[in-house]
Structures are given as C-alpha cells and as structure tokens.
Amino acid sequence: MRPERARERRGLRANAGLVVFKPAPHRPGAPPKGGDMADLLVENHGSIFLLDPVTDLGRDWIAAYITADATWFGGAVVVEHRYIRDIVVGAVTDGLRVR
C-alpha cells in the first residue's frame, strides 16, 4: 500500500510535509468530539484552509498572531495554503494543540 493511502486510512492527511489530523465534524463553538481537546482545528479546502479556534487559548493565540484584517468564514480564519504550515508550526511551538 502506498504511504499516502496508509495515512488516509489512519485518518491523517499530508500537506507539504506536515501531517494534520482530520478534524471531527463539530458545531461552531463546540468542542470536538473525543477525549483529545484541540485548541485549533485546521480544515483543508483545497486552495484555502480554515483555522478554527476551539478554546480560549486558541482564540487568544489567533488574536495575538493573526492580523486584524484577516478574512473570517463561519468562525474560522481563512488561510492561503502557502501560509498554513508556518502558522501551524508556530502554534505548536507555542504549546497549542492543533488537529
């Protein structure tokens, strides 16, 4: 089995060398299902990503590091695919849980 297919079967998605867990479907403002609470959820929508702050820590981090003129969609920040890796690495480096 190809490595990409093995990752997909385990619920993982690869993007530019960064592996991100697929987010569980959730209502905006509600914590994701499951025991592992994430601070930020990353959703891949092709040419854009949605960065959804789920906890107060996630919302505070976005307020501190994402520009005020960012585009928001349904409670999530819209991020171009070329920037998402650096944003996720920065969030994880700062101790946030990203899924």
C-alpha atoms as a PDB file:
ATOM      1  CA  MET A   1       0.000   0.000   0.000  1.00  0.00           C
ATOM      2  CA  ARG A   2       1.294   3.461  -0.876  1.00  0.00           C
ATOM      3  CA  PRO A   3       2.309   5.604   2.138  1.00  0.00           C
ATOM      4  CA  GLU A   4      -0.260   8.299   1.254  1.00  0.00           C
ATOM      5  CA  ARG A   5      -3.070   5.733   1.319  1.00  0.00           C
ATOM      6  CA  ALA A   6      -1.878   4.329   4.646  1.00  0.00           C
ATOM      7  CA  ARG A   7      -2.003   7.814   6.189  1.00  0.00           C
ATOM      8  CA  GLU A   8      -5.513   8.413   4.802  1.00  0.00           C
ATOM      9  CA  ARG A   9      -6.735   5.130   6.275  1.00  0.00           C
ATOM     10  CA  ARG A  10      -5.440   6.179   9.712  1.00  0.00           C
ATOM     11  CA  GLY A  11      -7.347   9.473   9.438  1.00  0.00           C
ATOM     12  CA  LEU A  12      -4.318  11.587   8.584  1.00  0.00           C
ATOM     13  CA  ARG A  13      -3.787  13.929   5.682  1.00  0.00           C
ATOM     14  CA  ALA A  14      -0.358  15.018   4.412  1.00  0.00           C
ATOM     15  CA  ASN A  15       0.290  18.556   3.205  1.00  0.00           C
ATOM     16  CA  ALA A  16       3.720  19.862   2.243  1.00  0.00           C
ATOM     17  CA  GLY A  17       5.494  17.598   4.700  1.00  0.00           C
ATOM     18  CA  LEU A  18       3.144  18.483   7.563  1.00  0.00           C
ATOM     19  CA  VAL A  19       0.718  15.840   8.792  1.00  0.00           C
ATOM     20  CA  VAL A  20      -2.528  17.205  10.191  1.00  0.00           C
ATOM     21  CA  PHE A  21      -5.325  15.134  11.743  1.00  0.00           C
ATOM     22  CA  LYS A  22      -8.679  15.386  10.036  1.00  0.00           C
ATOM     23  CA  PRO A  23     -10.985  17.365  12.307  1.00  0.00           C
ATOM     24  CA  ALA A  24     -14.107  15.709  13.623  1.00  0.00           C
ATOM     25  CA  PRO A  25     -17.337  17.341  12.460  1.00  0.00           C
ATOM     26  CA  HIS A  26     -18.481  19.824  15.079  1.00  0.00           C
ATOM     27  CA  ARG A  27     -20.765  22.749  15.684  1.00  0.00           C
ATOM     28  CA  PRO A  28     -19.042  26.143  15.712  1.00  0.00           C
ATOM     29  CA  GLY A  29     -18.091  26.980  19.279  1.00  0.00           C
ATOM     30  CA  ALA A  30     -18.488  23.391  20.478  1.00  0.00           C
ATOM     31  CA  PRO A  31     -15.506  21.263  21.472  1.00  0.00           C
ATOM     32  CA  PRO A  32     -14.581  18.480  19.062  1.00  0.00           C
ATOM     33  CA  LYS A  33     -15.836  15.016  19.847  1.00  0.00           C
ATOM     34  CA  GLY A  34     -13.412  12.648  21.517  1.00  0.00           C
ATOM     35  CA  GLY A  35     -11.171  12.887  24.537  1.00  0.00           C
ATOM     36  CA  ASP A  36      -8.352  14.883  22.932  1.00  0.00           C
ATOM     37  CA  MET A  37      -9.282  18.568  23.017  1.00  0.00           C
ATOM     38  CA  ALA A  38      -7.658  20.732  20.335  1.00  0.00           C
ATOM     39  CA  ASP A  39      -7.034  24.459  20.630  1.00  0.00           C
ATOM     40  CA  LEU A  40      -7.099  24.982  16.851  1.00  0.00           C
ATOM     41  CA  LEU A  41      -8.727  22.893  14.147  1.00  0.00           C
ATOM     42  CA  VAL A  42      -7.301  23.006  10.621  1.00  0.00           C
ATOM     43  CA  GLU A  43      -9.579  22.133   7.719  1.00  0.00           C
ATOM     44  CA  ASN A  44      -8.184  21.661   4.210  1.00  0.00           C
ATOM     45  CA  HIS A  45     -10.447  23.027   1.476  1.00  0.00           C
ATOM     46  CA  GLY A  46      -8.041  22.794  -1.455  1.00  0.00           C
ATOM     47  CA  SER A  47      -6.582  26.220  -2.163  1.00  0.00           C
ATOM     48  CA  ILE A  48      -7.565  27.556   1.270  1.00  0.00           C
ATOM     49  CA  PHE A  49      -7.533  26.288   4.825  1.00  0.00           C
ATOM     50  CA  LEU A  50      -9.832  27.198   7.688  1.00  0.00           C
ATOM     51  CA  LEU A  51      -8.162  27.749  11.051  1.00  0.00           C
ATOM     52  CA  ASP A  52     -10.865  27.347  13.684  1.00  0.00           C
ATOM     53  CA  PRO A  53     -10.101  28.405  17.266  1.00  0.00           C
ATOM     54  CA  VAL A  54     -11.922  25.997  19.581  1.00  0.00           C
ATOM     55  CA  THR A  55     -10.651  27.094  23.001  1.00  0.00           C
ATOM     56  CA  ASP A  56      -9.953  30.429  24.652  1.00  0.00           C
ATOM     57  CA  LEU A  57      -6.231  29.713  24.255  1.00  0.00           C
ATOM     58  CA  GLY A  58      -6.747  29.229  20.515  1.00  0.00           C
ATOM     59  CA  ARG A  59      -8.764  32.451  20.222  1.00  0.00           C
ATOM     60  CA  ASP A  60      -6.135  34.388  22.201  1.00  0.00           C
ATOM     61  CA  TRP A  61      -3.326  32.991  20.031  1.00  0.00           C
ATOM     62  CA  ILE A  62      -5.124  33.998  16.833  1.00  0.00           C
ATOM     63  CA  ALA A  63      -5.778  37.478  18.233  1.00  0.00           C
ATOM     64  CA  ALA A  64      -2.075  37.833  19.059  1.00  0.00           C
ATOM     65  CA  TYR A  65      -0.558  36.411  15.865  1.00  0.00           C
ATOM     66  CA  ILE A  66      -3.066  36.744  13.006  1.00  0.00           C
ATOM     67  CA  THR A  67      -3.570  40.204  11.530  1.00  0.00           C
ATOM     68  CA  ALA A  68      -6.754  42.047  12.385  1.00  0.00           C
ATOM     69  CA  ASP A  69      -7.721  42.351   8.707  1.00  0.00           C
ATOM     70  CA  ALA A  70      -7.778  38.563   8.202  1.00  0.00           C
ATOM     71  CA  THR A  71     -10.777  37.064   6.420  1.00  0.00           C
ATOM     72  CA  TRP A  72     -13.132  35.072   8.648  1.00  0.00           C
ATOM     73  CA  PHE A  73     -15.613  32.437   7.486  1.00  0.00           C
ATOM     74  CA  GLY A  74     -18.041  30.759   9.873  1.00  0.00           C
ATOM     75  CA  GLY A  75     -15.931  31.469  12.960  1.00  0.00           C
ATOM     76  CA  ALA A  76     -12.663  30.355  11.336  1.00  0.00           C
ATOM     77  CA  VAL A  77      -9.796  32.311   9.814  1.00  0.00           C
ATOM     78  CA  VAL A  78      -9.304  31.765   6.083  1.00  0.00           C
ATOM     79  CA  VAL A  79      -5.646  30.976   5.331  1.00  0.00           C
ATOM     80  CA  GLU A  80      -3.984  30.522   1.941  1.00  0.00           C
ATOM     81  CA  HIS A  81      -2.355  27.122   1.520  1.00  0.00           C
ATOM     82  CA  ARG A  82       1.145  28.629   1.288  1.00  0.00           C
ATOM     83  CA  TYR A  83       0.920  30.065   4.829  1.00  0.00           C
ATOM     84  CA  ILE A  84      -0.807  27.302   6.805  1.00  0.00           C
ATOM     85  CA  ARG A  85       2.319  25.248   7.515  1.00  0.00           C
ATOM     86  CA  ASP A  86       4.158  28.152   9.164  1.00  0.00           C
ATOM     87  CA  ILE A  87       1.071  29.093  11.173  1.00  0.00           C
ATOM     88  CA  VAL A  88       0.581  25.537  12.452  1.00  0.00           C
ATOM     89  CA  VAL A  89       4.278  25.163  13.296  1.00  0.00           C
ATOM     90  CA  GLY A  90       4.155  28.459  15.208  1.00  0.00           C
ATOM     91  CA  ALA A  91       1.057  27.414  17.142  1.00  0.00           C
ATOM     92  CA  VAL A  92       2.513  24.019  18.053  1.00  0.00           C
ATOM     93  CA  THR A  93       5.811  25.640  19.055  1.00  0.00           C
ATOM     94  CA  ASP A  94       3.832  27.910  21.383  1.00  0.00           C
ATOM     95  CA  GLY A  95       2.244  24.870  23.012  1.00  0.00           C
ATOM     96  CA  LEU A  96      -1.159  24.792  21.326  1.00  0.00           C
ATOM     97  CA  ARG A  97      -2.822  21.520  20.327  1.00  0.00           C
ATOM     98  CA  VAL A  98      -3.635  21.559  16.613  1.00  0.00           C
ATOM     99  CA  ARG A  99      -5.771  18.968  14.824  1.00  0.00           C
END
